[in-house]
Amino acid sequence: MNLKELSGLEIIQAIIDGKIPHPSMSETIPMKMMAAERGIVTFEVKADERHTNPMGGVHGGFAATVLDSVTGCSVHTELAPGDGYATVDLNVKMLKAIPKDALLSVEGKVLHVSKSIGVSEGFIRDSEGVLYAHATATCMIRRG
């Protein structure tokens, strides 16, 4: 499979379908892409003992990494074959401590895409809809 011939959405869907492996970051931070459509991506994540800070809670970098991934992937779904992106700004708001060993849902949504910039937001929630963290991201887009 030649990735340069696939749109961003096709790449994300191929990962979800198991035709392309999940990025290696998903081994460090257990996150799994679950669904994608143009401008929207959802993940499942679960923090564990590997992700704790010196106080025993889940390190803030867990949420930041997950939100960077989901906001970037949502922008990726808007890109044509051969286009790429890189996060240039990530603003994360931690609202509640991320629980250990709890399956959480993460959603990324595109707010705006232009020729050179993509802006998106992401949310980490539990099964009851409780919001744990929110982020906005700006991605620089490199066209083909």
C-alpha atoms as a PDB file:
ATOM      1  CA  MET A   1       0.000   0.000   0.000  1.00  0.00           C
ATOM      2  CA  ASN A   2       1.528   3.308  -1.086  1.00  0.00           C
ATOM      3  CA  LEU A   3       0.642   5.867   1.581  1.00  0.00           C
ATOM      4  CA  LYS A   4       1.459   8.776  -0.741  1.00  0.00           C
ATOM      5  CA  GLU A   5      -1.483   7.752  -2.911  1.00  0.00           C
ATOM      6  CA  LEU A   6      -3.984   7.764  -0.031  1.00  0.00           C
ATOM      7  CA  SER A   7      -5.861  10.726   1.399  1.00  0.00           C
ATOM      8  CA  GLY A   8      -5.504  11.423   5.099  1.00  0.00           C
ATOM      9  CA  LEU A   9      -8.944   9.966   5.747  1.00  0.00           C
ATOM     10  CA  GLU A  10      -8.052   6.812   3.794  1.00  0.00           C
ATOM     11  CA  ILE A  11      -4.876   6.402   5.873  1.00  0.00           C
ATOM     12  CA  ILE A  12      -6.751   6.793   9.182  1.00  0.00           C
ATOM     13  CA  GLN A  13      -9.460   4.363   8.023  1.00  0.00           C
ATOM     14  CA  ALA A  14      -6.792   1.836   6.955  1.00  0.00           C
ATOM     15  CA  ILE A  15      -5.316   2.015  10.469  1.00  0.00           C
ATOM     16  CA  ILE A  16      -8.758   1.457  12.003  1.00  0.00           C
ATOM     17  CA  ASP A  17      -9.358  -1.494   9.644  1.00  0.00           C
ATOM     18  CA  GLY A  18      -5.971  -3.050  10.530  1.00  0.00           C
ATOM     19  CA  LYS A  19      -4.537  -2.657   7.020  1.00  0.00           C
ATOM     20  CA  ILE A  20      -1.851  -0.300   8.375  1.00  0.00           C
ATOM     21  CA  PRO A  21      -0.415  -0.719  11.891  1.00  0.00           C
ATOM     22  CA  HIS A  22      -1.281   1.821  14.561  1.00  0.00           C
ATOM     23  CA  PRO A  23       1.550   4.353  15.037  1.00  0.00           C
ATOM     24  CA  SER A  24       4.190   3.171  17.509  1.00  0.00           C
ATOM     25  CA  MET A  25       3.215   5.958  19.929  1.00  0.00           C
ATOM     26  CA  SER A  26       0.093   3.898  20.659  1.00  0.00           C
ATOM     27  CA  GLU A  27       2.339   1.350  22.385  1.00  0.00           C
ATOM     28  CA  THR A  28       3.729   4.015  24.735  1.00  0.00           C
ATOM     29  CA  ILE A  29       0.367   5.678  25.305  1.00  0.00           C
ATOM     30  CA  PRO A  30      -2.332   3.000  24.867  1.00  0.00           C
ATOM     31  CA  MET A  31      -4.628   4.645  22.338  1.00  0.00           C
ATOM     32  CA  LYS A  32      -6.628   3.022  19.598  1.00  0.00           C
ATOM     33  CA  MET A  33      -8.317   4.728  16.669  1.00  0.00           C
ATOM     34  CA  MET A  34     -11.935   3.620  16.635  1.00  0.00           C
ATOM     35  CA  ALA A  35     -13.742   5.677  14.005  1.00  0.00           C
ATOM     36  CA  ALA A  36     -13.092   8.412  11.486  1.00  0.00           C
ATOM     37  CA  GLU A  37     -14.957  10.543   9.044  1.00  0.00           C
ATOM     38  CA  ARG A  38     -13.958  13.765   7.379  1.00  0.00           C
ATOM     39  CA  GLY A  39     -13.024  16.190  10.161  1.00  0.00           C
ATOM     40  CA  ILE A  40     -13.762  13.857  13.098  1.00  0.00           C
ATOM     41  CA  VAL A  41     -11.730  11.072  14.719  1.00  0.00           C
ATOM     42  CA  THR A  42     -12.420   9.032  17.861  1.00  0.00           C
ATOM     43  CA  PHE A  43      -9.968   7.045  19.978  1.00  0.00           C
ATOM     44  CA  GLU A  44     -10.161   4.829  23.037  1.00  0.00           C
ATOM     45  CA  VAL A  45      -7.412   5.275  25.643  1.00  0.00           C
ATOM     46  CA  LYS A  46      -6.470   3.784  28.986  1.00  0.00           C
ATOM     47  CA  ALA A  47      -3.790   5.115  31.340  1.00  0.00           C
ATOM     48  CA  ASP A  48      -2.003   2.575  33.506  1.00  0.00           C
ATOM     49  CA  GLU A  49       0.827   2.358  36.025  1.00  0.00           C
ATOM     50  CA  ARG A  50       3.381   3.280  33.317  1.00  0.00           C
ATOM     51  CA  HIS A  51       1.840   6.759  33.037  1.00  0.00           C
ATOM     52  CA  THR A  52       2.027   7.942  36.649  1.00  0.00           C
ATOM     53  CA  ASN A  53       3.772  10.980  38.073  1.00  0.00           C
ATOM     54  CA  PRO A  54       5.788  10.990  41.343  1.00  0.00           C
ATOM     55  CA  MET A  55       2.545  11.396  43.340  1.00  0.00           C
ATOM     56  CA  GLY A  56       1.007   8.274  41.793  1.00  0.00           C
ATOM     57  CA  GLY A  57      -1.526  10.084  39.610  1.00  0.00           C
ATOM     58  CA  VAL A  58      -1.627   9.986  35.820  1.00  0.00           C
ATOM     59  CA  HIS A  59       0.971  12.377  34.404  1.00  0.00           C
ATOM     60  CA  GLY A  60      -0.426  15.374  32.505  1.00  0.00           C
ATOM     61  CA  GLY A  61       1.660  14.362  29.526  1.00  0.00           C
ATOM     62  CA  PHE A  62      -0.707  11.432  28.999  1.00  0.00           C
ATOM     63  CA  ALA A  63      -3.650  13.747  28.242  1.00  0.00           C
ATOM     64  CA  ALA A  64      -1.463  16.145  26.264  1.00  0.00           C
ATOM     65  CA  THR A  65      -0.111  13.351  24.059  1.00  0.00           C
ATOM     66  CA  VAL A  66      -3.534  11.842  23.454  1.00  0.00           C
ATOM     67  CA  LEU A  67      -5.054  15.233  22.632  1.00  0.00           C
ATOM     68  CA  ASP A  68      -2.159  16.116  20.312  1.00  0.00           C
ATOM     69  CA  SER A  69      -2.730  12.828  18.489  1.00  0.00           C
ATOM     70  CA  VAL A  70      -6.503  13.115  18.117  1.00  0.00           C
ATOM     71  CA  THR A  71      -6.482  16.775  17.066  1.00  0.00           C
ATOM     72  CA  GLY A  72      -3.759  16.100  14.511  1.00  0.00           C
ATOM     73  CA  CYS A  73      -5.528  13.030  13.158  1.00  0.00           C
ATOM     74  CA  SER A  74      -8.762  14.987  12.741  1.00  0.00           C
ATOM     75  CA  VAL A  75      -6.876  17.530  10.595  1.00  0.00           C
ATOM     76  CA  HIS A  76      -5.264  14.630   8.716  1.00  0.00           C
ATOM     77  CA  THR A  77      -8.726  13.422   7.629  1.00  0.00           C
ATOM     78  CA  GLU A  78      -9.105  16.658   5.644  1.00  0.00           C
ATOM     79  CA  LEU A  79      -5.881  16.275   3.668  1.00  0.00           C
ATOM     80  CA  ALA A  80      -5.361  15.104   0.081  1.00  0.00           C
ATOM     81  CA  PRO A  81      -2.877  12.401  -0.927  1.00  0.00           C
ATOM     82  CA  GLY A  82       0.692  13.572  -0.372  1.00  0.00           C
ATOM     83  CA  ASP A  83      -0.261  16.350   2.062  1.00  0.00           C
ATOM     84  CA  GLY A  84       1.165  16.395   5.586  1.00  0.00           C
ATOM     85  CA  TYR A  85       0.785  18.312   8.820  1.00  0.00           C
ATOM     86  CA  ALA A  86       2.638  19.156  12.016  1.00  0.00           C
ATOM     87  CA  THR A  87       1.294  20.565  15.275  1.00  0.00           C
ATOM     88  CA  VAL A  88       2.628  24.076  15.889  1.00  0.00           C
ATOM     89  CA  ASP A  89       0.477  24.943  18.910  1.00  0.00           C
ATOM     90  CA  LEU A  90      -1.339  22.792  21.461  1.00  0.00           C
ATOM     91  CA  ASN A  91      -3.348  24.341  24.287  1.00  0.00           C
ATOM     92  CA  VAL A  92      -4.472  21.754  26.856  1.00  0.00           C
ATOM     93  CA  LYS A  93      -6.840  22.335  29.765  1.00  0.00           C
ATOM     94  CA  MET A  94      -6.858  19.614  32.423  1.00  0.00           C
ATOM     95  CA  LEU A  95     -10.274  19.632  34.110  1.00  0.00           C
ATOM     96  CA  LYS A  96     -10.110  16.451  36.202  1.00  0.00           C
ATOM     97  CA  ALA A  97      -7.415  13.926  37.002  1.00  0.00           C
ATOM     98  CA  ILE A  98      -7.216  11.198  34.359  1.00  0.00           C
ATOM     99  CA  PRO A  99      -8.119   7.921  36.112  1.00  0.00           C
ATOM    100  CA  LYS A 100      -5.841   4.885  35.917  1.00  0.00           C
ATOM    101  CA  ASP A 101      -7.163   1.711  34.303  1.00  0.00           C
ATOM    102  CA  ALA A 102     -10.348   3.341  33.005  1.00  0.00           C
ATOM    103  CA  LEU A 103     -11.330   3.177  29.344  1.00  0.00           C
ATOM    104  CA  LEU A 104     -11.845   6.723  28.091  1.00  0.00           C
ATOM    105  CA  SER A 105     -13.201   8.110  24.840  1.00  0.00           C
ATOM    106  CA  VAL A 106     -11.336  10.799  22.947  1.00  0.00           C
ATOM    107  CA  GLU A 107     -12.746  12.841  20.092  1.00  0.00           C
ATOM    108  CA  GLY A 108     -11.024  15.252  17.741  1.00  0.00           C
ATOM    109  CA  LYS A 109     -12.944  17.706  15.565  1.00  0.00           C
ATOM    110  CA  VAL A 110     -11.727  20.073  12.883  1.00  0.00           C
ATOM    111  CA  LEU A 111     -12.780  23.676  13.362  1.00  0.00           C
ATOM    112  CA  HIS A 112     -11.119  25.145  10.267  1.00  0.00           C
ATOM    113  CA  VAL A 113      -8.772  24.110   7.480  1.00  0.00           C
ATOM    114  CA  SER A 114      -7.178  26.501   5.007  1.00  0.00           C
ATOM    115  CA  LYS A 115      -4.366  26.139   2.483  1.00  0.00           C
ATOM    116  CA  SER A 116      -1.691  26.225   5.196  1.00  0.00           C
ATOM    117  CA  ILE A 117      -3.355  25.935   8.635  1.00  0.00           C
ATOM    118  CA  GLY A 118      -5.688  23.458  10.340  1.00  0.00           C
ATOM    119  CA  VAL A 119      -7.373  24.232  13.658  1.00  0.00           C
ATOM    120  CA  SER A 120      -9.015  21.494  15.700  1.00  0.00           C
ATOM    121  CA  GLU A 121     -10.180  20.637  19.192  1.00  0.00           C
ATOM    122  CA  GLY A 122     -10.173  17.482  21.256  1.00  0.00           C
ATOM    123  CA  PHE A 123     -11.999  16.093  24.280  1.00  0.00           C
ATOM    124  CA  ILE A 124     -11.252  13.257  26.715  1.00  0.00           C
ATOM    125  CA  ARG A 125     -14.402  11.852  28.353  1.00  0.00           C
ATOM    126  CA  ASP A 126     -15.477   8.812  30.326  1.00  0.00           C
ATOM    127  CA  SER A 127     -18.430   6.551  29.501  1.00  0.00           C
ATOM    128  CA  GLU A 128     -20.758   8.874  31.445  1.00  0.00           C
ATOM    129  CA  GLY A 129     -19.692  11.867  29.353  1.00  0.00           C
ATOM    130  CA  VAL A 130     -17.617  13.479  32.121  1.00  0.00           C
ATOM    131  CA  LEU A 131     -15.023  15.781  30.559  1.00  0.00           C
ATOM    132  CA  TYR A 132     -11.447  15.255  31.842  1.00  0.00           C
ATOM    133  CA  ALA A 133      -9.442  17.405  29.427  1.00  0.00           C
ATOM    134  CA  HIS A 134      -9.925  19.664  26.415  1.00  0.00           C
ATOM    135  CA  ALA A 135      -7.454  20.975  23.862  1.00  0.00           C
ATOM    136  CA  THR A 136      -7.238  23.188  20.835  1.00  0.00           C
ATOM    137  CA  ALA A 137      -4.500  22.690  18.285  1.00  0.00           C
ATOM    138  CA  THR A 138      -3.098  24.525  15.318  1.00  0.00           C
ATOM    139  CA  CYS A 139      -1.423  22.451  12.645  1.00  0.00           C
ATOM    140  CA  MET A 140       0.771  23.678   9.825  1.00  0.00           C
ATOM    141  CA  ILE A 141      -0.202  21.994   6.561  1.00  0.00           C
ATOM    142  CA  ARG A 142       2.298  21.047   3.891  1.00  0.00           C
ATOM    143  CA  ARG A 143       0.539  20.568   0.563  1.00  0.00           C
ATOM    144  CA  GLY A 144       1.750  17.778  -1.747  1.00  0.00           C
END
